[in-house]
Every structure is written in C-alpha cells, then in structure tokens.
PDB file of N, CA and C in Angstrom:
ATOM      1  N   MET A   1      43.964-149.474-145.899  1.00  0.00           N
ATOM      2  CA  MET A   1      43.666-150.129-147.138  1.00  0.00           C
ATOM      3  C   MET A   1      44.624-149.608-148.199  1.00  0.00           C
ATOM      4  N   PRO A   2      45.174-150.456-149.017  1.00  0.00           N
ATOM      5  CA  PRO A   2      46.084-150.005-150.069  1.00  0.00           C
ATOM      6  C   PRO A   2      45.380-149.034-151.012  1.00  0.00           C
ATOM      7  N   CYS A   3      46.158-148.112-151.548  1.00  0.00           N
ATOM      8  CA  CYS A   3      45.605-147.184-152.531  1.00  0.00           C
ATOM      9  C   CYS A   3      45.422-147.926-153.843  1.00  0.00           C
ATOM     10  N   ARG A   4      44.290-147.757-154.463  1.00  0.00           N
ATOM     11  CA  ARG A   4      44.051-148.352-155.779  1.00  0.00           C
ATOM     12  C   ARG A   4      43.839-147.213-156.769  1.00  0.00           C
ATOM     13  N   GLY A   5      44.057-147.499-158.020  1.00  0.00           N
ATOM     14  CA  GLY A   5      43.836-146.469-159.034  1.00  0.00           C
ATOM     15  C   GLY A   5      45.089-145.656-159.244  1.00  0.00           C
ATOM     16  N   ARG A   6      45.089-144.420-158.786  1.00  0.00           N
ATOM     17  CA  ARG A   6      46.226-143.525-159.033  1.00  0.00           C
ATOM     18  C   ARG A   6      47.552-144.101-158.561  1.00  0.00           C
ATOM     19  N   GLY A   7      47.579-144.751-157.401  1.00  0.00           N
ATOM     20  CA  GLY A   7      48.838-145.201-156.834  1.00  0.00           C
ATOM     21  C   GLY A   7      49.254-146.591-157.243  1.00  0.00           C
ATOM     22  N   GLU A   8      48.465-147.262-158.061  1.00  0.00           N
ATOM     23  CA  GLU A   8      48.774-148.648-158.396  1.00  0.00           C
ATOM     24  C   GLU A   8      48.956-148.799-159.900  1.00  0.00           C
ATOM     25  N   SER A   9      50.053-149.340-160.302  1.00  0.00           N
ATOM     26  CA  SER A   9      50.299-149.678-161.692  1.00  0.00           C
ATOM     27  C   SER A   9      51.182-150.912-161.696  1.00  0.00           C
ATOM     28  N   GLU A  10      51.425-151.462-162.847  1.00  0.00           N
ATOM     29  CA  GLU A  10      52.226-152.683-162.899  1.00  0.00           C
ATOM     30  C   GLU A  10      53.605-152.434-162.283  1.00  0.00           C
ATOM     31  N   GLY A  11      53.943-153.231-161.281  1.00  0.00           N
ATOM     32  CA  GLY A  11      55.239-153.110-160.633  1.00  0.00           C
ATOM     33  C   GLY A  11      55.321-151.977-159.621  1.00  0.00           C
ATOM     34  N   HIS A  12      54.199-151.309-159.358  1.00  0.00           N
ATOM     35  CA  HIS A  12      54.241-150.179-158.420  1.00  0.00           C
ATOM     36  C   HIS A  12      52.985-150.204-157.548  1.00  0.00           C
ATOM     37  N   LEU A  13      53.180-150.168-156.272  1.00  0.00           N
ATOM     38  CA  LEU A  13      52.062-150.080-155.336  1.00  0.00           C
ATOM     39  C   LEU A  13      52.380-148.968-154.354  1.00  0.00           C
ATOM     40  N   GLU A  14      51.489-148.045-154.228  1.00  0.00           N
ATOM     41  CA  GLU A  14      51.663-146.934-153.299  1.00  0.00           C
ATOM     42  C   GLU A  14      50.775-147.189-152.098  1.00  0.00           C
ATOM     43  N   PHE A  15      51.334-147.092-150.913  1.00  0.00           N
ATOM     44  CA  PHE A  15      50.586-147.367-149.699  1.00  0.00           C
ATOM     45  C   PHE A  15      50.976-146.338-148.668  1.00  0.00           C
ATOM     46  N   ARG A  16      49.977-145.684-148.114  1.00  0.00           N
ATOM     47  CA  ARG A  16      50.242-144.690-147.066  1.00  0.00           C
ATOM     48  C   ARG A  16      49.390-145.032-145.868  1.00  0.00           C
ATOM     49  N   HIS A  17      50.014-145.005-144.716  1.00  0.00           N
ATOM     50  CA  HIS A  17      49.298-145.344-143.501  1.00  0.00           C
ATOM     51  C   HIS A  17      49.917-144.581-142.347  1.00  0.00           C
ATOM     52  N   ARG A  18      49.055-144.104-141.476  1.00  0.00           N
ATOM     53  CA  ARG A  18      49.558-143.512-140.242  1.00  0.00           C
ATOM     54  C   ARG A  18      48.614-143.929-139.134  1.00  0.00           C
ATOM     55  N   ALA A  19      49.108-144.790-138.281  1.00  0.00           N
ATOM     56  CA  ALA A  19      48.318-145.210-137.120  1.00  0.00           C
ATOM     57  C   ALA A  19      48.528-144.174-136.028  1.00  0.00           C
ATOM     58  N   ILE A  20      47.447-143.622-135.554  1.00  0.00           N
ATOM     59  CA  ILE A  20      47.570-142.573-134.548  1.00  0.00           C
ATOM     60  C   ILE A  20      46.639-142.816-133.374  1.00  0.00           C
ATOM     61  N   ASN A  21      47.047-142.324-132.262  1.00  0.00           N
ATOM     62  CA  ASN A  21      46.199-142.234-131.083  1.00  0.00           C
ATOM     63  C   ASN A  21      45.676-140.804-131.097  1.00  0.00           C
ATOM     64  N   VAL A  22      44.399-140.625-131.378  1.00  0.00           N
ATOM     65  CA  VAL A  22      43.839-139.289-131.544  1.00  0.00           C
ATOM     66  C   VAL A  22      44.144-138.401-130.346  1.00  0.00           C
ATOM     67  N   GLY A  23      44.158-138.971-129.164  1.00  0.00           N
ATOM     68  CA  GLY A  23      44.454-138.191-127.971  1.00  0.00           C
ATOM     69  C   GLY A  23      45.901-137.736-127.877  1.00  0.00           C
ATOM     70  N   ALA A  24      46.770-138.286-128.724  1.00  0.00           N
ATOM     71  CA  ALA A  24      48.188-137.944-128.670  1.00  0.00           C
ATOM     72  C   ALA A  24      48.600-136.929-129.731  1.00  0.00           C
ATOM     73  N   ILE A  25      47.696-136.553-130.634  1.00  0.00           N
ATOM     74  CA  ILE A  25      48.046-135.623-131.703  1.00  0.00           C
ATOM     75  C   ILE A  25      48.530-134.305-131.106  1.00  0.00           C
ATOM     76  N   GLY A  26      49.707-133.887-131.557  1.00  0.00           N
ATOM     77  CA  GLY A  26      50.264-132.622-131.113  1.00  0.00           C
ATOM     78  C   GLY A  26      50.942-132.671-129.755  1.00  0.00           C
ATOM     79  N   THR A  27      50.987-133.831-129.136  1.00  0.00           N
ATOM     80  CA  THR A  27      51.595-133.929-127.810  1.00  0.00           C
ATOM     81  C   THR A  27      53.071-134.268-127.878  1.00  0.00           C
ATOM     82  N   GLY A  28      53.523-134.779-129.044  1.00  0.00           N
ATOM     83  CA  GLY A  28      54.905-135.219-129.158  1.00  0.00           C
ATOM     84  C   GLY A  28      55.132-136.604-128.607  1.00  0.00           C
ATOM     85  N   ARG A  29      54.060-137.266-128.147  1.00  0.00           N
ATOM     86  CA  ARG A  29      54.204-138.641-127.636  1.00  0.00           C
ATOM     87  C   ARG A  29      54.256-139.598-128.811  1.00  0.00           C
ATOM     88  N   ASN A  30      55.056-140.621-128.670  1.00  0.00           N
ATOM     89  CA  ASN A  30      55.204-141.595-129.749  1.00  0.00           C
ATOM     90  C   ASN A  30      54.829-142.985-129.270  1.00  0.00           C
ATOM     91  N   ALA A  31      54.591-143.867-130.234  1.00  0.00           N
ATOM     92  CA  ALA A  31      54.367-145.278-129.927  1.00  0.00           C
ATOM     93  C   ALA A  31      55.693-145.895-129.522  1.00  0.00           C
ATOM     94  N   GLU A  32      55.630-147.085-128.986  1.00  0.00           N
ATOM     95  CA  GLU A  32      56.853-147.843-128.732  1.00  0.00           C
ATOM     96  C   GLU A  32      57.276-148.482-130.052  1.00  0.00           C
ATOM     97  N   PRO A  33      58.573-148.668-130.288  1.00  0.00           N
ATOM     98  CA  PRO A  33      59.012-149.328-131.524  1.00  0.00           C
ATOM     99  C   PRO A  33      58.341-150.681-131.744  1.00  0.00           C
ATOM    100  N   SER A  34      58.104-151.438-130.675  1.00  0.00           N
ATOM    101  CA  SER A  34      57.446-152.738-130.835  1.00  0.00           C
ATOM    102  C   SER A  34      56.003-152.568-131.298  1.00  0.00           C
ATOM    103  N   ASP A  35      55.324-151.501-130.858  1.00  0.00           N
ATOM    104  CA  ASP A  35      53.959-151.221-131.314  1.00  0.00           C
ATOM    105  C   ASP A  35      53.958-150.885-132.804  1.00  0.00           C
ATOM    106  N   ALA A  36      54.895-150.053-133.212  1.00  0.00           N
ATOM    107  CA  ALA A  36      55.000-149.696-134.631  1.00  0.00           C
ATOM    108  C   ALA A  36      55.279-150.947-135.459  1.00  0.00           C
ATOM    109  N   GLY A  37      56.155-151.807-134.978  1.00  0.00           N
ATOM    110  CA  GLY A  37      56.464-153.048-135.689  1.00  0.00           C
ATOM    111  C   GLY A  37      55.258-153.958-135.806  1.00  0.00           C
ATOM    112  N   GLU A  38      54.448-154.012-134.752  1.00  0.00           N
ATOM    113  CA  GLU A  38      53.255-154.858-134.774  1.00  0.00           C
ATOM    114  C   GLU A  38      52.246-154.358-135.814  1.00  0.00           C
ATOM    115  N   VAL A  39      52.065-153.031-135.877  1.00  0.00           N
ATOM    116  CA  VAL A  39      51.145-152.458-136.866  1.00  0.00           C
ATOM    117  C   VAL A  39      51.660-152.737-138.276  1.00  0.00           C
ATOM    118  N   ILE A  40      52.952-152.599-138.476  1.00  0.00           N
ATOM    119  CA  ILE A  40      53.531-152.848-139.804  1.00  0.00           C
ATOM    120  C   ILE A  40      53.375-154.316-140.182  1.00  0.00           C
ATOM    121  N   GLN A  41      53.514-155.232-139.227  1.00  0.00           N
ATOM    122  CA  GLN A  41      53.277-156.653-139.518  1.00  0.00           C
ATOM    123  C   GLN A  41      51.844-156.874-139.982  1.00  0.00           C
ATOM    124  N   ILE A  42      50.895-156.199-139.373  1.00  0.00           N
ATOM    125  CA  ILE A  42      49.486-156.313-139.780  1.00  0.00           C
ATOM    126  C   ILE A  42      49.312-155.769-141.197  1.00  0.00           C
ATOM    127  N   ILE A  43      49.944-154.647-141.480  1.00  0.00           N
ATOM    128  CA  ILE A  43      49.877-154.074-142.825  1.00  0.00           C
ATOM    129  C   ILE A  43      50.431-155.062-143.847  1.00  0.00           C
ATOM    130  N   ARG A  44      51.599-155.624-143.549  1.00  0.00           N
ATOM    131  CA  ARG A  44      52.215-156.577-144.496  1.00  0.00           C
ATOM    132  C   ARG A  44      51.355-157.833-144.665  1.00  0.00           C
ATOM    133  N   SER A  45      50.755-158.305-143.595  1.00  0.00           N
ATOM    134  CA  SER A  45      49.886-159.476-143.674  1.00  0.00           C
ATOM    135  C   SER A  45      48.673-159.188-144.563  1.00  0.00           C
ATOM    136  N   THR A  46      48.113-157.996-144.405  1.00  0.00           N
ATOM    137  CA  THR A  46      46.971-157.600-145.229  1.00  0.00           C
ATOM    138  C   THR A  46      47.374-157.501-146.697  1.00  0.00           C
ATOM    139  N   LEU A  47      48.526-156.900-146.955  1.00  0.00           N
ATOM    140  CA  LEU A  47      49.007-156.802-148.328  1.00  0.00           C
ATOM    141  C   LEU A  47      49.252-158.187-148.932  1.00  0.00           C
ATOM    142  N   ALA A  48      49.780-159.108-148.130  1.00  0.00           N
ATOM    143  CA  ALA A  48      50.014-160.476-148.608  1.00  0.00           C
ATOM    144  C   ALA A  48      48.694-161.149-148.955  1.00  0.00           C
ATOM    145  N   ASP A  49      47.668-160.911-148.147  1.00  0.00           N
ATOM    146  CA  ASP A  49      46.352-161.494-148.419  1.00  0.00           C
ATOM    147  C   ASP A  49      45.751-160.929-149.703  1.00  0.00           C
ATOM    148  N   ILE A  50      45.922-159.637-149.932  1.00  0.00           N
ATOM    149  CA  ILE A  50      45.331-158.984-151.105  1.00  0.00           C
ATOM    150  C   ILE A  50      46.153-159.250-152.364  1.00  0.00           C
ATOM    151  N   TYR A  51      47.464-159.168-152.237  1.00  0.00           N
ATOM    152  CA  TYR A  51      48.347-159.284-153.397  1.00  0.00           C
ATOM    153  C   TYR A  51      49.144-160.588-153.334  1.00  0.00           C
ATOM    154  N   SER A  52      50.257-160.555-152.629  1.00  0.00           N
ATOM    155  CA  SER A  52      51.100-161.746-152.464  1.00  0.00           C
ATOM    156  C   SER A  52      52.140-161.440-151.393  1.00  0.00           C
ATOM    157  N   GLN A  53      52.780-162.489-150.885  1.00  0.00           N
ATOM    158  CA  GLN A  53      53.841-162.310-149.890  1.00  0.00           C
ATOM    159  C   GLN A  53      54.996-161.522-150.498  1.00  0.00           C
ATOM    160  N   GLU A  54      55.276-161.771-151.758  1.00  0.00           N
ATOM    161  CA  GLU A  54      56.361-161.067-152.441  1.00  0.00           C
ATOM    162  C   GLU A  54      56.099-159.556-152.466  1.00  0.00           C
ATOM    163  N   VAL A  55      54.887-159.178-152.821  1.00  0.00           N
ATOM    164  CA  VAL A  55      54.528-157.754-152.840  1.00  0.00           C
ATOM    165  C   VAL A  55      54.614-157.178-151.432  1.00  0.00           C
ATOM    166  N   ALA A  56      54.085-157.894-150.456  1.00  0.00           N
ATOM    167  CA  ALA A  56      54.082-157.413-149.073  1.00  0.00           C
ATOM    168  C   ALA A  56      55.496-157.124-148.572  1.00  0.00           C
ATOM    169  N   GLN A  57      56.454-157.938-148.966  1.00  0.00           N
ATOM    170  CA  GLN A  57      57.827-157.736-148.505  1.00  0.00           C
ATOM    171  C   GLN A  57      58.544-156.622-149.267  1.00  0.00           C
ATOM    172  N   LYS A  58      58.079-156.321-150.463  1.00  0.00           N
ATOM    173  CA  LYS A  58      58.715-155.261-151.259  1.00  0.00           C
ATOM    174  C   LYS A  58      58.234-153.865-150.880  1.00  0.00           C
ATOM    175  N   VAL A  59      57.032-153.777-150.319  1.00  0.00           N
ATOM    176  CA  VAL A  59      56.465-152.472-149.964  1.00  0.00           C
ATOM    177  C   VAL A  59      57.207-151.906-148.757  1.00  0.00           C
ATOM    178  N   ARG A  60      57.649-150.671-148.890  1.00  0.00           N
ATOM    179  CA  ARG A  60      58.313-150.001-147.769  1.00  0.00           C
ATOM    180  C   ARG A  60      57.251-149.363-146.900  1.00  0.00           C
ATOM    181  N   VAL A  61      57.311-149.647-145.605  1.00  0.00           N
ATOM    182  CA  VAL A  61      56.355-149.075-144.664  1.00  0.00           C
ATOM    183  C   VAL A  61      57.153-148.277-143.631  1.00  0.00           C
ATOM    184  N   GLN A  62      56.797-147.016-143.510  1.00  0.00           N
ATOM    185  CA  GLN A  62      57.517-146.123-142.611  1.00  0.00           C
ATOM    186  C   GLN A  62      56.681-145.791-141.384  1.00  0.00           C
ATOM    187  N   TYR A  63      57.368-145.596-140.272  1.00  0.00           N
ATOM    188  CA  TYR A  63      56.709-145.156-139.043  1.00  0.00           C
ATOM    189  C   TYR A  63      56.428-143.670-139.168  1.00  0.00           C
ATOM    190  N   GLY A  64      55.209-143.257-138.875  1.00  0.00           N
ATOM    191  CA  GLY A  64      54.831-141.854-139.034  1.00  0.00           C
ATOM    192  C   GLY A  64      54.478-141.162-137.743  1.00  0.00           C
ATOM    193  N   GLY A  65      55.028-141.607-136.651  1.00  0.00           N
ATOM    194  CA  GLY A  65      54.728-140.965-135.377  1.00  0.00           C
ATOM    195  C   GLY A  65      55.755-139.905-135.046  1.00  0.00           C
ATOM    196  N   SER A  66      55.915-139.637-133.797  1.00  0.00           N
ATOM    197  CA  SER A  66      56.816-138.590-133.338  1.00  0.00           C
ATOM    198  C   SER A  66      58.230-139.140-133.186  1.00  0.00           C
ATOM    199  N   VAL A  67      59.076-138.860-134.171  1.00  0.00           N
ATOM    200  CA  VAL A  67      60.474-139.278-134.052  1.00  0.00           C
ATOM    201  C   VAL A  67      61.329-138.077-133.675  1.00  0.00           C
ATOM    202  N   LYS A  68      62.312-138.358-132.846  1.00  0.00           N
ATOM    203  CA  LYS A  68      63.214-137.331-132.326  1.00  0.00           C
ATOM    204  C   LYS A  68      64.618-137.920-132.288  1.00  0.00           C
ATOM    205  N   PRO A  69      65.621-137.088-132.076  1.00  0.00           N
ATOM    206  CA  PRO A  69      66.976-137.625-131.986  1.00  0.00           C
ATOM    207  C   PRO A  69      67.114-138.704-130.902  1.00  0.00           C
ATOM    208  N   GLY A  70      66.324-138.603-129.834  1.00  0.00           N
ATOM    209  CA  GLY A  70      66.427-139.559-128.734  1.00  0.00           C
ATOM    210  C   GLY A  70      65.741-140.893-128.961  1.00  0.00           C
ATOM    211  N   ASN A  71      64.885-140.998-130.009  1.00  0.00           N
ATOM    212  CA  ASN A  71      64.202-142.287-130.206  1.00  0.00           C
ATOM    213  C   ASN A  71      64.340-142.872-131.606  1.00  0.00           C
ATOM    214  N   ILE A  72      64.918-142.119-132.537  1.00  0.00           N
ATOM    215  CA  ILE A  72      65.007-142.599-133.920  1.00  0.00           C
ATOM    216  C   ILE A  72      65.781-143.913-134.025  1.00  0.00           C
ATOM    217  N   ARG A  73      66.845-144.049-133.253  1.00  0.00           N
ATOM    218  CA  ARG A  73      67.662-145.268-133.314  1.00  0.00           C
ATOM    219  C   ARG A  73      66.828-146.504-132.947  1.00  0.00           C
ATOM    220  N   ASP A  74      65.987-146.396-131.927  1.00  0.00           N
ATOM    221  CA  ASP A  74      65.161-147.530-131.507  1.00  0.00           C
ATOM    222  C   ASP A  74      64.145-147.917-132.581  1.00  0.00           C
ATOM    223  N   PHE A  75      63.531-146.918-133.221  1.00  0.00           N
ATOM    224  CA  PHE A  75      62.572-147.232-134.287  1.00  0.00           C
ATOM    225  C   PHE A  75      63.273-147.868-135.480  1.00  0.00           C
ATOM    226  N   MET A  76      64.385-147.309-135.872  1.00  0.00           N
ATOM    227  CA  MET A  76      65.086-147.828-137.049  1.00  0.00           C
ATOM    228  C   MET A  76      65.741-149.187-136.789  1.00  0.00           C
ATOM    229  N   ALA A  77      65.953-149.531-135.528  1.00  0.00           N
ATOM    230  CA  ALA A  77      66.514-150.846-135.192  1.00  0.00           C
ATOM    231  C   ALA A  77      65.463-151.946-135.314  1.00  0.00           C
ATOM    232  N   HIS A  78      64.184-151.582-135.314  1.00  0.00           N
ATOM    233  CA  HIS A  78      63.125-152.593-135.414  1.00  0.00           C
ATOM    234  C   HIS A  78      63.099-153.128-136.837  1.00  0.00           C
ATOM    235  N   PRO A  79      63.122-154.456-137.008  1.00  0.00           N
ATOM    236  CA  PRO A  79      63.231-155.037-138.358  1.00  0.00           C
ATOM    237  C   PRO A  79      62.056-154.733-139.284  1.00  0.00           C
ATOM    238  N   GLU A  80      60.885-154.416-138.760  1.00  0.00           N
ATOM    239  CA  GLU A  80      59.725-154.138-139.611  1.00  0.00           C
ATOM    240  C   GLU A  80      59.683-152.691-140.105  1.00  0.00           C
ATOM    241  N   VAL A  81      60.373-151.786-139.434  1.00  0.00           N
ATOM    242  CA  VAL A  81      60.308-150.358-139.761  1.00  0.00           C
ATOM    243  C   VAL A  81      61.302-150.052-140.880  1.00  0.00           C
ATOM    244  N   ASP A  82      60.763-149.576-142.020  1.00  0.00           N
ATOM    245  CA  ASP A  82      61.608-149.275-143.182  1.00  0.00           C
ATOM    246  C   ASP A  82      62.073-147.830-143.232  1.00  0.00           C
ATOM    247  N   GLY A  83      61.559-146.988-142.376  1.00  0.00           N
ATOM    248  CA  GLY A  83      61.930-145.580-142.384  1.00  0.00           C
ATOM    249  C   GLY A  83      61.021-144.815-141.449  1.00  0.00           C
ATOM    250  N   ALA A  84      61.192-143.505-141.434  1.00  0.00           N
ATOM    251  CA  ALA A  84      60.391-142.664-140.555  1.00  0.00           C
ATOM    252  C   ALA A  84      59.971-141.401-141.296  1.00  0.00           C
ATOM    253  N   LEU A  85      58.763-140.973-141.031  1.00  0.00           N
ATOM    254  CA  LEU A  85      58.276-139.700-141.538  1.00  0.00           C
ATOM    255  C   LEU A  85      58.442-138.699-140.405  1.00  0.00           C
ATOM    256  N   VAL A  86      59.328-137.750-140.586  1.00  0.00           N
ATOM    257  CA  VAL A  86      59.655-136.799-139.523  1.00  0.00           C
ATOM    258  C   VAL A  86      58.672-135.632-139.580  1.00  0.00           C
ATOM    259  N   GLY A  87      58.063-135.332-138.451  1.00  0.00           N
ATOM    260  CA  GLY A  87      57.093-134.236-138.372  1.00  0.00           C
ATOM    261  C   GLY A  87      57.727-132.968-137.844  1.00  0.00           C
ATOM    262  N   GLY A  88      57.269-132.547-136.672  1.00  0.00           N
ATOM    263  CA  GLY A  88      57.685-131.285-136.078  1.00  0.00           C
ATOM    264  C   GLY A  88      59.187-131.150-135.864  1.00  0.00           C
ATOM    265  N   ALA A  89      59.869-132.264-135.639  1.00  0.00           N
ATOM    266  CA  ALA A  89      61.317-132.198-135.420  1.00  0.00           C
ATOM    267  C   ALA A  89      62.052-131.717-136.674  1.00  0.00           C
ATOM    268  N   SER A  90      61.398-131.810-137.826  1.00  0.00           N
ATOM    269  CA  SER A  90      62.041-131.351-139.062  1.00  0.00           C
ATOM    270  C   SER A  90      62.086-129.824-139.147  1.00  0.00           C
ATOM    271  N   LEU A  91      61.343-129.146-138.276  1.00  0.00           N
ATOM    272  CA  LEU A  91      61.336-127.681-138.285  1.00  0.00           C
ATOM    273  C   LEU A  91      62.550-127.089-137.599  1.00  0.00           C
ATOM    274  N   ASP A  92      63.249-127.899-136.832  1.00  0.00           N
ATOM    275  CA  ASP A  92      64.465-127.460-136.140  1.00  0.00           C
ATOM    276  C   ASP A  92      65.650-128.084-136.870  1.00  0.00           C
ATOM    277  N   PRO A  93      66.440-127.283-137.580  1.00  0.00           N
ATOM    278  CA  PRO A  93      67.533-127.835-138.386  1.00  0.00           C
ATOM    279  C   PRO A  93      68.509-128.711-137.595  1.00  0.00           C
ATOM    280  N   GLU A  94      68.809-128.333-136.366  1.00  0.00           N
ATOM    281  CA  GLU A  94      69.749-129.120-135.572  1.00  0.00           C
ATOM    282  C   GLU A  94      69.149-130.466-135.180  1.00  0.00           C
ATOM    283  N   GLU A  95      67.878-130.450-134.763  1.00  0.00           N
ATOM    284  CA  GLU A  95      67.189-131.710-134.413  1.00  0.00           C
ATOM    285  C   GLU A  95      67.091-132.614-135.641  1.00  0.00           C
ATOM    286  N   PHE A  96      66.697-132.032-136.771  1.00  0.00           N
ATOM    287  CA  PHE A  96      66.525-132.795-137.984  1.00  0.00           C
ATOM    288  C   PHE A  96      67.850-133.438-138.404  1.00  0.00           C
ATOM    289  N   ALA A  97      68.930-132.672-138.318  1.00  0.00           N
ATOM    290  CA  ALA A  97      70.248-133.208-138.685  1.00  0.00           C
ATOM    291  C   ALA A  97      70.621-134.393-137.797  1.00  0.00           C
ATOM    292  N   LEU A  98      70.321-134.320-136.513  1.00  0.00           N
ATOM    293  CA  LEU A  98      70.604-135.430-135.607  1.00  0.00           C
ATOM    294  C   LEU A  98      69.793-136.663-135.964  1.00  0.00           C
ATOM    295  N   ILE A  99      68.555-136.454-136.402  1.00  0.00           N
ATOM    296  CA  ILE A  99      67.709-137.586-136.807  1.00  0.00           C
ATOM    297  C   ILE A  99      68.299-138.236-138.060  1.00  0.00           C
ATOM    298  N   VAL A 100      68.634-137.416-139.046  1.00  0.00           N
ATOM    299  CA  VAL A 100      69.181-137.928-140.302  1.00  0.00           C
ATOM    300  C   VAL A 100      70.484-138.689-140.067  1.00  0.00           C
ATOM    301  N   LYS A 101      71.298-138.224-139.135  1.00  0.00           N
ATOM    302  CA  LYS A 101      72.594-138.845-138.865  1.00  0.00           C
ATOM    303  C   LYS A 101      72.554-139.746-137.640  1.00  0.00           C
ATOM    304  N   TYR A 102      71.415-140.426-137.393  1.00  0.00           N
ATOM    305  CA  TYR A 102      71.237-141.205-136.168  1.00  0.00           C
ATOM    306  C   TYR A 102      72.252-142.327-136.010  1.00  0.00           C
ATOM    307  N   ARG A 103      72.812-142.823-137.067  1.00  0.00           N
ATOM    308  CA  ARG A 103      73.766-143.933-136.971  1.00  0.00           C
ATOM    309  C   ARG A 103      75.048-143.441-136.429  1.00  0.00           C
TER     310      ARG A 103
END
C-alpha cells in the first residue's frame, strides 16, 4: 500500500515495497527477474487505480531481493525494474563495486 501522510505531498509520492519469500530470508536466494517485473507491474497497476497512470509511471520501483554481481544485469535488463536495493553484497567492497559497475 502506498505510504500516506509523511511520504506524500504535492508532486511527491514515497512508496516502499519488498516482496519476500519468508522461507528465503537470509539464504541469498533471489526471485527471477520476470517475477520481480510481475510484482512491479501489480504495484504500478495499483498506483494507477489509486492515483493515475501518470503517477504510476513516474514512481520508481526497485527490486529489493538478493542481488549479486552474477544476477544484477538480468534484473536491470527487465523493463519494469527501476533499480536494486543491495543487501548483504554491499558488505563486500569488491562485490559491491561489481554490482555498481554491472554495465
């Protein structure tokens, strides 16, 4: 559900979402890029219903699962994914640098 109140003002909508498989927490397993894209499409559809299609397309939605140097390119290639929230891989400077420079 979109954040209301603190995160919403004229011209600004704050939205945070992390779809997780509870059984996968801490395992380093990630969703497939197509799964992440499908969830983001649902988020955008919901935002369009609540606000407008224009707002839904302006909101940046990031994948918040397990991204690593070996899978970041696939997630970022998906047209619905606007970015990634890097978790444990950010603790290793070399891994993090590879993620940042995935292109």
